[in-house]
């Protein structure tokens, strides 16, 4: 009974964290699913967004302005990754690893130290309520509104002609090029948008938890991929709205599973082991469910 009570108390916190993870899952979904572009630069753009946001907040910037600048910084990281691949012919995975490695030093330079506390600085969360009882619900409500807005914009874009060209770039690049689609441009835009969402997720988690840390990007790609794959098994992937909905649903389920793991008595250090097992299990289910579909991972 006590464990169930603990699990019940953890649900709101897990749900709030899952909403932030959903931005990252959407950012990871775009290159892997829409572009068939294996990108690991989220390991760099996620903490880069958090570090940029933290530094700006500590210098008195408006929290929303800090988030916007962090998002734009993530877009530039995505552009750099795509340019390395397109013009220097560096493998996309290697390009992402190179950028993530470089950004570790950049983040240290930006912050001037390994971490920045934000407990006394204004954020989008502490500026809307001083009530402890209602703070969590207001955080969840704000994150949900922002997530619905972004997910709606992505879905609307995927339904447009340009969105169709973006999906065609990953689905069948030779056919898309024959139809006059500028592949390099759409890869550049898609990877840039994806890393902008990754940086947005980092900025939101920094404001939510009250600090930014240079190592906070370690392992985020595998968490985002797990969320995407779980969501695709449950929601499917044959409609544009399912492509957008799957990462969000997967993020919610994945984050709640972490709460269950803690209640079961496992340690936080076991998360990566359990996440790996979960991904292997999910891949097996997807292979049975979609045997003829190129899953893109």
C-alpha atoms as a PDB file:
ATOM      1  CA  UNK A   1       0.000   0.000   0.000  1.00  0.00           C
ATOM      2  CA  UNK A   2       2.834   2.379   0.888  1.00  0.00           C
ATOM      3  CA  UNK A   3       4.531   1.717  -2.455  1.00  0.00           C
ATOM      4  CA  UNK A   4       1.293   2.411  -4.318  1.00  0.00           C
ATOM      5  CA  UNK A   5       0.905   5.666  -2.402  1.00  0.00           C
ATOM      6  CA  UNK A   6       4.466   6.650  -3.303  1.00  0.00           C
ATOM      7  CA  UNK A   7       3.827   5.783  -6.948  1.00  0.00           C
ATOM      8  CA  UNK A   8       0.615   7.836  -6.933  1.00  0.00           C
ATOM      9  CA  UNK A   9       2.473  10.819  -5.476  1.00  0.00           C
ATOM     10  CA  UNK A  10       5.155  10.507  -8.166  1.00  0.00           C
ATOM     11  CA  UNK A  11       2.691  10.560 -11.075  1.00  0.00           C
ATOM     12  CA  UNK A  12       2.312  14.388 -11.317  1.00  0.00           C
ATOM     13  CA  UNK A  13       6.082  14.944 -11.195  1.00  0.00           C
ATOM     14  CA  UNK A  14       6.643  12.191 -13.749  1.00  0.00           C
ATOM     15  CA  UNK A  15       3.936  13.624 -15.989  1.00  0.00           C
ATOM     16  CA  UNK A  16       5.496  17.084 -15.865  1.00  0.00           C
ATOM     17  CA  UNK A  17       8.912  15.637 -16.742  1.00  0.00           C
ATOM     18  CA  UNK A  18       7.367  13.577 -19.539  1.00  0.00           C
ATOM     19  CA  UNK A  19       5.947  16.733 -21.109  1.00  0.00           C
ATOM     20  CA  UNK A  20       9.469  18.175 -21.234  1.00  0.00           C
ATOM     21  CA  UNK A  21      10.833  14.882 -22.580  1.00  0.00           C
ATOM     22  CA  UNK A  22       8.156  15.032 -25.298  1.00  0.00           C
ATOM     23  CA  UNK A  23       9.845  18.071 -26.893  1.00  0.00           C
ATOM     24  CA  UNK A  24      13.082  16.092 -27.050  1.00  0.00           C
ATOM     25  CA  UNK A  25      11.276  13.034 -28.449  1.00  0.00           C
ATOM     26  CA  UNK A  26       9.706  15.190 -31.162  1.00  0.00           C
ATOM     27  CA  UNK A  27      13.132  16.602 -31.969  1.00  0.00           C
ATOM     28  CA  UNK A  28      14.614  13.128 -32.248  1.00  0.00           C
ATOM     29  CA  UNK A  29      11.659  11.864 -34.279  1.00  0.00           C
ATOM     30  CA  UNK A  30      12.079  14.404 -37.099  1.00  0.00           C
ATOM     31  CA  UNK A  31      15.535  13.369 -38.389  1.00  0.00           C
ATOM     32  CA  UNK A  32      15.102   9.652 -37.672  1.00  0.00           C
ATOM     33  CA  UNK A  33      11.539   9.247 -38.892  1.00  0.00           C
ATOM     34  CA  UNK A  34      10.888  12.038 -41.402  1.00  0.00           C
ATOM     35  CA  UNK A  35      14.377  12.419 -42.880  1.00  0.00           C
ATOM     36  CA  UNK A  36      15.934   8.985 -42.299  1.00  0.00           C
ATOM     37  CA  UNK A  37      18.893  10.973 -40.953  1.00  0.00           C
ATOM     38  CA  UNK A  38      20.630   9.301 -37.995  1.00  0.00           C
ATOM     39  CA  UNK A  39      21.432  12.234 -35.709  1.00  0.00           C
ATOM     40  CA  UNK A  40      23.070  12.098 -32.270  1.00  0.00           C
ATOM     41  CA  UNK A  41      23.617  15.830 -31.889  1.00  0.00           C
ATOM     42  CA  UNK A  42      20.794  15.983 -29.329  1.00  0.00           C
ATOM     43  CA  UNK A  43      23.491  14.969 -26.819  1.00  0.00           C
ATOM     44  CA  UNK A  44      24.948  18.424 -27.477  1.00  0.00           C
ATOM     45  CA  UNK A  45      21.985  20.623 -28.401  1.00  0.00           C
ATOM     46  CA  UNK A  46      19.944  19.586 -25.327  1.00  0.00           C
ATOM     47  CA  UNK A  47      22.510  20.786 -22.739  1.00  0.00           C
ATOM     48  CA  UNK A  48      23.445  23.693 -25.026  1.00  0.00           C
ATOM     49  CA  UNK A  49      19.870  24.969 -24.785  1.00  0.00           C
ATOM     50  CA  UNK A  50      19.916  24.521 -21.010  1.00  0.00           C
ATOM     51  CA  UNK A  51      23.257  26.314 -20.633  1.00  0.00           C
ATOM     52  CA  UNK A  52      22.249  29.216 -22.870  1.00  0.00           C
ATOM     53  CA  UNK A  53      18.980  29.605 -21.001  1.00  0.00           C
ATOM     54  CA  UNK A  54      20.670  29.454 -17.583  1.00  0.00           C
ATOM     55  CA  UNK A  55      23.294  32.062 -18.471  1.00  0.00           C
ATOM     56  CA  UNK A  56      20.676  34.428 -19.891  1.00  0.00           C
ATOM     57  CA  UNK A  57      18.454  34.037 -16.836  1.00  0.00           C
ATOM     58  CA  UNK A  58      21.380  34.681 -14.497  1.00  0.00           C
ATOM     59  CA  UNK A  59      21.991  37.928 -16.391  1.00  0.00           C
ATOM     60  CA  UNK A  60      18.420  39.120 -15.932  1.00  0.00           C
ATOM     61  CA  UNK A  61      16.866  38.165 -19.289  1.00  0.00           C
ATOM     62  CA  UNK A  62      13.156  37.483 -19.556  1.00  0.00           C
ATOM     63  CA  UNK A  63      12.534  33.702 -19.205  1.00  0.00           C
ATOM     64  CA  UNK A  64      10.606  33.522 -22.491  1.00  0.00           C
ATOM     65  CA  UNK A  65      13.332  35.436 -24.324  1.00  0.00           C
ATOM     66  CA  UNK A  66      15.896  33.029 -22.857  1.00  0.00           C
ATOM     67  CA  UNK A  67      13.894  30.064 -24.148  1.00  0.00           C
ATOM     68  CA  UNK A  68      13.602  31.599 -27.623  1.00  0.00           C
ATOM     69  CA  UNK A  69      17.342  32.291 -27.814  1.00  0.00           C
ATOM     70  CA  UNK A  70      18.082  28.748 -26.623  1.00  0.00           C
ATOM     71  CA  UNK A  71      15.798  27.365 -29.338  1.00  0.00           C
ATOM     72  CA  UNK A  72      17.580  29.439 -31.976  1.00  0.00           C
ATOM     73  CA  UNK A  73      20.928  28.218 -30.664  1.00  0.00           C
ATOM     74  CA  UNK A  74      19.734  24.630 -31.073  1.00  0.00           C
ATOM     75  CA  UNK A  75      18.685  25.369 -34.655  1.00  0.00           C
ATOM     76  CA  UNK A  76      22.232  26.569 -35.399  1.00  0.00           C
ATOM     77  CA  UNK A  77      23.618  23.339 -33.942  1.00  0.00           C
ATOM     78  CA  UNK A  78      21.326  21.393 -36.269  1.00  0.00           C
ATOM     79  CA  UNK A  79      22.467  23.463 -39.231  1.00  0.00           C
ATOM     80  CA  UNK A  80      26.104  22.744 -38.339  1.00  0.00           C
ATOM     81  CA  UNK A  81      25.437  18.988 -38.108  1.00  0.00           C
ATOM     82  CA  UNK A  82      23.650  18.942 -41.467  1.00  0.00           C
ATOM     83  CA  UNK A  83      26.356  21.025 -43.154  1.00  0.00           C
ATOM     84  CA  UNK A  84      29.096  18.690 -41.931  1.00  0.00           C
ATOM     85  CA  UNK A  85      27.202  15.790 -43.446  1.00  0.00           C
ATOM     86  CA  UNK A  86      26.139  17.459 -46.680  1.00  0.00           C
ATOM     87  CA  UNK A  87      29.270  19.339 -47.671  1.00  0.00           C
ATOM     88  CA  UNK A  88      32.132  17.550 -45.906  1.00  0.00           C
ATOM     89  CA  UNK A  89      30.529  14.125 -46.499  1.00  0.00           C
ATOM     90  CA  UNK A  90      30.904  13.187 -42.823  1.00  0.00           C
ATOM     91  CA  UNK A  91      28.625  10.376 -41.694  1.00  0.00           C
ATOM     92  CA  UNK A  92      25.578  11.844 -39.943  1.00  0.00           C
ATOM     93  CA  UNK A  93      26.188   9.852 -36.759  1.00  0.00           C
ATOM     94  CA  UNK A  94      29.820  10.983 -36.625  1.00  0.00           C
ATOM     95  CA  UNK A  95      28.832  14.581 -37.377  1.00  0.00           C
ATOM     96  CA  UNK A  96      26.418  14.539 -34.423  1.00  0.00           C
ATOM     97  CA  UNK A  97      29.062  13.041 -32.120  1.00  0.00           C
ATOM     98  CA  UNK A  98      31.591  15.674 -33.215  1.00  0.00           C
ATOM     99  CA  UNK A  99      29.148  18.517 -32.539  1.00  0.00           C
ATOM    100  CA  UNK A 100      28.110  17.078 -29.176  1.00  0.00           C
ATOM    101  CA  UNK A 101      31.782  16.740 -28.155  1.00  0.00           C
ATOM    102  CA  UNK A 102      32.582  20.298 -29.228  1.00  0.00           C
ATOM    103  CA  UNK A 103      29.555  21.683 -27.435  1.00  0.00           C
ATOM    104  CA  UNK A 104      30.761  20.265 -24.120  1.00  0.00           C
ATOM    105  CA  UNK A 105      33.648  22.748 -24.200  1.00  0.00           C
ATOM    106  CA  UNK A 106      31.392  25.476 -25.569  1.00  0.00           C
ATOM    107  CA  UNK A 107      28.937  24.973 -22.703  1.00  0.00           C
ATOM    108  CA  UNK A 108      31.734  25.229 -20.147  1.00  0.00           C
ATOM    109  CA  UNK A 109      32.926  28.439 -21.791  1.00  0.00           C
ATOM    110  CA  UNK A 110      29.421  29.891 -21.830  1.00  0.00           C
ATOM    111  CA  UNK A 111      28.674  29.098 -18.178  1.00  0.00           C
ATOM    112  CA  UNK A 112      32.189  29.606 -16.868  1.00  0.00           C
ATOM    113  CA  UNK A 113      31.668  26.691 -14.471  1.00  0.00           C
ATOM    114  CA  UNK A 114      30.149  23.177 -14.563  1.00  0.00           C
ATOM    115  CA  UNK A 115      26.710  24.267 -13.330  1.00  0.00           C
ATOM    116  CA  UNK A 116      24.555  27.316 -12.712  1.00  0.00           C
ATOM    117  CA  UNK A 117      21.820  27.377 -10.025  1.00  0.00           C
ATOM    118  CA  UNK A 118      18.635  29.231 -10.903  1.00  0.00           C
ATOM    119  CA  UNK A 119      16.747  29.047  -7.615  1.00  0.00           C
ATOM    120  CA  UNK A 120      16.722  32.821  -7.156  1.00  0.00           C
ATOM    121  CA  UNK A 121      16.191  33.707 -10.806  1.00  0.00           C
ATOM    122  CA  UNK A 122      12.793  34.187 -12.476  1.00  0.00           C
ATOM    123  CA  UNK A 123      11.546  31.375 -14.693  1.00  0.00           C
ATOM    124  CA  UNK A 124       8.380  30.823 -16.687  1.00  0.00           C
ATOM    125  CA  UNK A 125       7.220  28.611 -13.812  1.00  0.00           C
ATOM    126  CA  UNK A 126       7.906  30.568 -10.641  1.00  0.00           C
ATOM    127  CA  UNK A 127       6.594  33.730 -12.246  1.00  0.00           C
ATOM    128  CA  UNK A 128       3.057  32.327 -12.525  1.00  0.00           C
ATOM    129  CA  UNK A 129       2.463  31.181  -8.973  1.00  0.00           C
ATOM    130  CA  UNK A 130       3.911  31.369  -5.476  1.00  0.00           C
ATOM    131  CA  UNK A 131       1.566  28.684  -4.144  1.00  0.00           C
ATOM    132  CA  UNK A 132       3.261  25.322  -3.544  1.00  0.00           C
ATOM    133  CA  UNK A 133      -0.054  23.504  -3.825  1.00  0.00           C
ATOM    134  CA  UNK A 134      -0.924  24.853  -7.228  1.00  0.00           C
ATOM    135  CA  UNK A 135       2.602  25.214  -8.666  1.00  0.00           C
ATOM    136  CA  UNK A 136       2.732  21.674 -10.057  1.00  0.00           C
ATOM    137  CA  UNK A 137      -0.644  21.910 -11.787  1.00  0.00           C
ATOM    138  CA  UNK A 138       0.277  25.274 -13.259  1.00  0.00           C
ATOM    139  CA  UNK A 139       3.582  23.887 -14.522  1.00  0.00           C
ATOM    140  CA  UNK A 140       1.792  20.957 -16.136  1.00  0.00           C
ATOM    141  CA  UNK A 141      -0.839  23.225 -17.656  1.00  0.00           C
ATOM    142  CA  UNK A 142       1.746  25.609 -19.098  1.00  0.00           C
ATOM    143  CA  UNK A 143       3.854  22.791 -20.529  1.00  0.00           C
ATOM    144  CA  UNK A 144       0.784  21.124 -22.030  1.00  0.00           C
ATOM    145  CA  UNK A 145      -0.360  24.320 -23.725  1.00  0.00           C
ATOM    146  CA  UNK A 146       3.082  24.909 -25.190  1.00  0.00           C
ATOM    147  CA  UNK A 147       3.369  21.263 -26.266  1.00  0.00           C
ATOM    148  CA  UNK A 148      -0.052  21.298 -27.932  1.00  0.00           C
ATOM    149  CA  UNK A 149       0.926  24.457 -29.793  1.00  0.00           C
ATOM    150  CA  UNK A 150       4.216  23.024 -31.037  1.00  0.00           C
ATOM    151  CA  UNK A 151       2.742  19.610 -31.885  1.00  0.00           C
ATOM    152  CA  UNK A 152      -0.087  21.331 -33.760  1.00  0.00           C
ATOM    153  CA  UNK A 153       2.367  23.420 -35.751  1.00  0.00           C
ATOM    154  CA  UNK A 154       4.449  20.349 -36.637  1.00  0.00           C
ATOM    155  CA  UNK A 155       1.351  18.392 -37.672  1.00  0.00           C
ATOM    156  CA  UNK A 156       0.078  21.314 -39.731  1.00  0.00           C
ATOM    157  CA  UNK A 157       3.455  21.616 -41.428  1.00  0.00           C
ATOM    158  CA  UNK A 158       3.623  17.891 -42.235  1.00  0.00           C
ATOM    159  CA  UNK A 159       0.250  18.203 -43.973  1.00  0.00           C
ATOM    160  CA  UNK A 160       1.458  20.988 -46.248  1.00  0.00           C
ATOM    161  CA  UNK A 161       3.255  20.569 -49.558  1.00  0.00           C
ATOM    162  CA  UNK A 162       6.568  21.496 -47.923  1.00  0.00           C
ATOM    163  CA  UNK A 163       5.914  18.963 -45.181  1.00  0.00           C
ATOM    164  CA  UNK A 164       5.244  16.317 -47.791  1.00  0.00           C
ATOM    165  CA  UNK A 165       8.540  17.200 -49.455  1.00  0.00           C
ATOM    166  CA  UNK A 166      10.293  16.859 -46.104  1.00  0.00           C
ATOM    167  CA  UNK A 167       8.852  13.373 -45.580  1.00  0.00           C
ATOM    168  CA  UNK A 168       9.632  12.423 -49.182  1.00  0.00           C
ATOM    169  CA  UNK A 169      13.257  13.440 -48.599  1.00  0.00           C
ATOM    170  CA  UNK A 170      13.601  10.706 -46.007  1.00  0.00           C
ATOM    171  CA  UNK A 171      11.251   8.157 -47.550  1.00  0.00           C
ATOM    172  CA  UNK A 172      12.615   8.113 -51.098  1.00  0.00           C
ATOM    173  CA  UNK A 173      15.330  10.717 -51.736  1.00  0.00           C
ATOM    174  CA  UNK A 174      15.964   9.634 -55.333  1.00  0.00           C
ATOM    175  CA  UNK A 175      12.309   9.999 -56.256  1.00  0.00           C
ATOM    176  CA  UNK A 176      12.048  13.265 -54.341  1.00  0.00           C
ATOM    177  CA  UNK A 177      15.047  14.678 -56.182  1.00  0.00           C
ATOM    178  CA  UNK A 178      13.569  13.575 -59.504  1.00  0.00           C
ATOM    179  CA  UNK A 179      10.454  15.577 -58.604  1.00  0.00           C
ATOM    180  CA  UNK A 180      12.538  18.707 -58.040  1.00  0.00           C
ATOM    181  CA  UNK A 181      12.777  18.584 -54.229  1.00  0.00           C
ATOM    182  CA  UNK A 182      15.971  20.342 -53.015  1.00  0.00           C
ATOM    183  CA  UNK A 183      17.188  17.559 -50.718  1.00  0.00           C
ATOM    184  CA  UNK A 184      19.997  19.511 -49.068  1.00  0.00           C
ATOM    185  CA  UNK A 185      17.687  22.361 -48.148  1.00  0.00           C
ATOM    186  CA  UNK A 186      15.100  20.094 -46.536  1.00  0.00           C
ATOM    187  CA  UNK A 187      17.728  18.093 -44.654  1.00  0.00           C
ATOM    188  CA  UNK A 188      19.181  21.367 -43.385  1.00  0.00           C
ATOM    189  CA  UNK A 189      15.795  22.678 -42.293  1.00  0.00           C
ATOM    190  CA  UNK A 190      14.662  19.389 -40.776  1.00  0.00           C
ATOM    191  CA  UNK A 191      17.800  18.792 -38.716  1.00  0.00           C
ATOM    192  CA  UNK A 192      17.801  22.439 -37.657  1.00  0.00           C
ATOM    193  CA  UNK A 193      14.182  22.251 -36.496  1.00  0.00           C
ATOM    194  CA  UNK A 194      14.868  18.994 -34.647  1.00  0.00           C
ATOM    195  CA  UNK A 195      17.793  20.401 -32.698  1.00  0.00           C
ATOM    196  CA  UNK A 196      15.834  23.547 -31.968  1.00  0.00           C
ATOM    197  CA  UNK A 197      13.260  21.339 -30.219  1.00  0.00           C
ATOM    198  CA  UNK A 198      16.071  19.519 -28.386  1.00  0.00           C
ATOM    199  CA  UNK A 199      17.457  22.814 -27.127  1.00  0.00           C
ATOM    200  CA  UNK A 200      13.952  23.930 -26.158  1.00  0.00           C
ATOM    201  CA  UNK A 201      13.590  20.782 -24.057  1.00  0.00           C
ATOM    202  CA  UNK A 202      16.914  21.531 -22.369  1.00  0.00           C
ATOM    203  CA  UNK A 203      15.895  25.116 -21.633  1.00  0.00           C
ATOM    204  CA  UNK A 204      12.599  23.970 -20.122  1.00  0.00           C
ATOM    205  CA  UNK A 205      14.220  21.321 -17.919  1.00  0.00           C
ATOM    206  CA  UNK A 206      16.759  23.882 -16.677  1.00  0.00           C
ATOM    207  CA  UNK A 207      13.970  26.272 -15.685  1.00  0.00           C
ATOM    208  CA  UNK A 208      11.906  23.451 -14.210  1.00  0.00           C
ATOM    209  CA  UNK A 209      14.612  21.868 -12.036  1.00  0.00           C
ATOM    210  CA  UNK A 210      16.264  25.168 -11.149  1.00  0.00           C
ATOM    211  CA  UNK A 211      19.775  24.586 -12.474  1.00  0.00           C
ATOM    212  CA  UNK A 212      21.808  23.793 -15.567  1.00  0.00           C
ATOM    213  CA  UNK A 213      24.680  21.303 -15.606  1.00  0.00           C
ATOM    214  CA  UNK A 214      27.217  20.617 -18.333  1.00  0.00           C
ATOM    215  CA  UNK A 215      26.721  16.832 -18.235  1.00  0.00           C
ATOM    216  CA  UNK A 216      22.939  16.860 -18.371  1.00  0.00           C
ATOM    217  CA  UNK A 217      22.872  15.730 -22.011  1.00  0.00           C
ATOM    218  CA  UNK A 218      24.407  12.317 -21.387  1.00  0.00           C
ATOM    219  CA  UNK A 219      21.976   9.577 -22.428  1.00  0.00           C
ATOM    220  CA  UNK A 220      19.174  11.844 -23.643  1.00  0.00           C
ATOM    221  CA  UNK A 221      19.218  10.378 -27.156  1.00  0.00           C
ATOM    222  CA  UNK A 222      18.496   6.874 -25.922  1.00  0.00           C
ATOM    223  CA  UNK A 223      15.679   8.196 -23.722  1.00  0.00           C
ATOM    224  CA  UNK A 224      14.183  10.079 -26.652  1.00  0.00           C
ATOM    225  CA  UNK A 225      14.477   7.071 -28.951  1.00  0.00           C
ATOM    226  CA  UNK A 226      12.836   4.874 -26.318  1.00  0.00           C
ATOM    227  CA  UNK A 227       9.934   7.325 -26.110  1.00  0.00           C
ATOM    228  CA  UNK A 228       9.544   7.411 -29.894  1.00  0.00           C
ATOM    229  CA  UNK A 229       9.614   3.638 -30.264  1.00  0.00           C
ATOM    230  CA  UNK A 230       7.196   2.993 -27.388  1.00  0.00           C
ATOM    231  CA  UNK A 231       4.806   5.548 -28.845  1.00  0.00           C
ATOM    232  CA  UNK A 232       4.984   4.073 -32.341  1.00  0.00           C
ATOM    233  CA  UNK A 233       4.186   0.598 -31.059  1.00  0.00           C
ATOM    234  CA  UNK A 234       1.097   1.930 -29.272  1.00  0.00           C
ATOM    235  CA  UNK A 235      -0.082   4.672 -31.635  1.00  0.00           C
ATOM    236  CA  UNK A 236       1.254   3.490 -34.995  1.00  0.00           C
ATOM    237  CA  UNK A 237       3.092   5.389 -37.707  1.00  0.00           C
ATOM    238  CA  UNK A 238       0.958   5.332 -40.859  1.00  0.00           C
ATOM    239  CA  UNK A 239      -0.634   8.785 -40.480  1.00  0.00           C
ATOM    240  CA  UNK A 240       0.924  12.241 -40.031  1.00  0.00           C
ATOM    241  CA  UNK A 241      -0.953  12.809 -36.769  1.00  0.00           C
ATOM    242  CA  UNK A 242       0.349   9.471 -35.462  1.00  0.00           C
ATOM    243  CA  UNK A 243       3.906  10.472 -36.333  1.00  0.00           C
ATOM    244  CA  UNK A 244       3.486  13.539 -34.103  1.00  0.00           C
ATOM    245  CA  UNK A 245       1.406  11.869 -31.386  1.00  0.00           C
ATOM    246  CA  UNK A 246       3.657   8.811 -30.953  1.00  0.00           C
ATOM    247  CA  UNK A 247       6.656  10.640 -29.377  1.00  0.00           C
ATOM    248  CA  UNK A 248       4.354  12.452 -26.956  1.00  0.00           C
ATOM    249  CA  UNK A 249       2.538   9.312 -25.840  1.00  0.00           C
ATOM    250  CA  UNK A 250       5.811   7.409 -25.665  1.00  0.00           C
ATOM    251  CA  UNK A 251       7.411  10.112 -23.507  1.00  0.00           C
ATOM    252  CA  UNK A 252       4.521   9.981 -21.030  1.00  0.00           C
ATOM    253  CA  UNK A 253       4.657   6.191 -20.753  1.00  0.00           C
ATOM    254  CA  UNK A 254       8.459   6.045 -20.579  1.00  0.00           C
ATOM    255  CA  UNK A 255       8.651   8.623 -17.802  1.00  0.00           C
ATOM    256  CA  UNK A 256       5.986   6.873 -15.729  1.00  0.00           C
ATOM    257  CA  UNK A 257       7.856   3.580 -16.167  1.00  0.00           C
ATOM    258  CA  UNK A 258      10.851   5.218 -14.505  1.00  0.00           C
ATOM    259  CA  UNK A 259       8.663   5.936 -11.491  1.00  0.00           C
ATOM    260  CA  UNK A 260       7.582   2.300 -11.405  1.00  0.00           C
ATOM    261  CA  UNK A 261      11.250   1.231 -11.509  1.00  0.00           C
ATOM    262  CA  UNK A 262      12.028   3.365  -8.463  1.00  0.00           C
ATOM    263  CA  UNK A 263       9.047   2.029  -6.538  1.00  0.00           C
ATOM    264  CA  UNK A 264      10.156  -1.529  -7.362  1.00  0.00           C
ATOM    265  CA  UNK A 265      13.336  -0.851  -5.427  1.00  0.00           C
ATOM    266  CA  UNK A 266      15.782  -0.404  -8.303  1.00  0.00           C
ATOM    267  CA  UNK A 267      18.347   2.383  -8.200  1.00  0.00           C
ATOM    268  CA  UNK A 268      18.515   5.367 -10.585  1.00  0.00           C
ATOM    269  CA  UNK A 269      21.788   3.870 -11.849  1.00  0.00           C
ATOM    270  CA  UNK A 270      19.721   0.953 -13.196  1.00  0.00           C
ATOM    271  CA  UNK A 271      17.712   3.226 -15.535  1.00  0.00           C
ATOM    272  CA  UNK A 272      20.062   2.838 -18.500  1.00  0.00           C
ATOM    273  CA  UNK A 273      20.073  -0.956 -18.199  1.00  0.00           C
ATOM    274  CA  UNK A 274      16.279  -1.069 -17.991  1.00  0.00           C
ATOM    275  CA  UNK A 275      15.996   1.451 -20.854  1.00  0.00           C
ATOM    276  CA  UNK A 276      18.204  -0.733 -23.058  1.00  0.00           C
ATOM    277  CA  UNK A 277      16.146  -3.827 -22.270  1.00  0.00           C
ATOM    278  CA  UNK A 278      12.947  -1.870 -22.948  1.00  0.00           C
ATOM    279  CA  UNK A 279      14.250  -0.698 -26.330  1.00  0.00           C
ATOM    280  CA  UNK A 280      15.247  -4.227 -27.351  1.00  0.00           C
ATOM    281  CA  UNK A 281      11.813  -5.494 -26.310  1.00  0.00           C
ATOM    282  CA  UNK A 282      10.075  -2.666 -28.186  1.00  0.00           C
ATOM    283  CA  UNK A 283      12.129  -3.277 -31.329  1.00  0.00           C
ATOM    284  CA  UNK A 284      11.087  -6.922 -31.239  1.00  0.00           C
ATOM    285  CA  UNK A 285       7.408  -6.000 -30.968  1.00  0.00           C
ATOM    286  CA  UNK A 286       7.729  -3.463 -33.790  1.00  0.00           C
ATOM    287  CA  UNK A 287       9.424  -5.997 -36.021  1.00  0.00           C
ATOM    288  CA  UNK A 288       6.446  -8.307 -35.537  1.00  0.00           C
ATOM    289  CA  UNK A 289       3.890  -5.513 -35.919  1.00  0.00           C
ATOM    290  CA  UNK A 290       5.523  -3.812 -38.936  1.00  0.00           C
ATOM    291  CA  UNK A 291       7.616  -6.529 -40.638  1.00  0.00           C
ATOM    292  CA  UNK A 292       7.728  -4.768 -44.016  1.00  0.00           C
ATOM    293  CA  UNK A 293       8.158  -1.211 -42.808  1.00  0.00           C
ATOM    294  CA  UNK A 294      11.526   0.553 -42.744  1.00  0.00           C
ATOM    295  CA  UNK A 295      11.537   1.652 -39.128  1.00  0.00           C
ATOM    296  CA  UNK A 296      14.368   4.101 -39.678  1.00  0.00           C
ATOM    297  CA  UNK A 297      16.362   3.312 -36.526  1.00  0.00           C
END
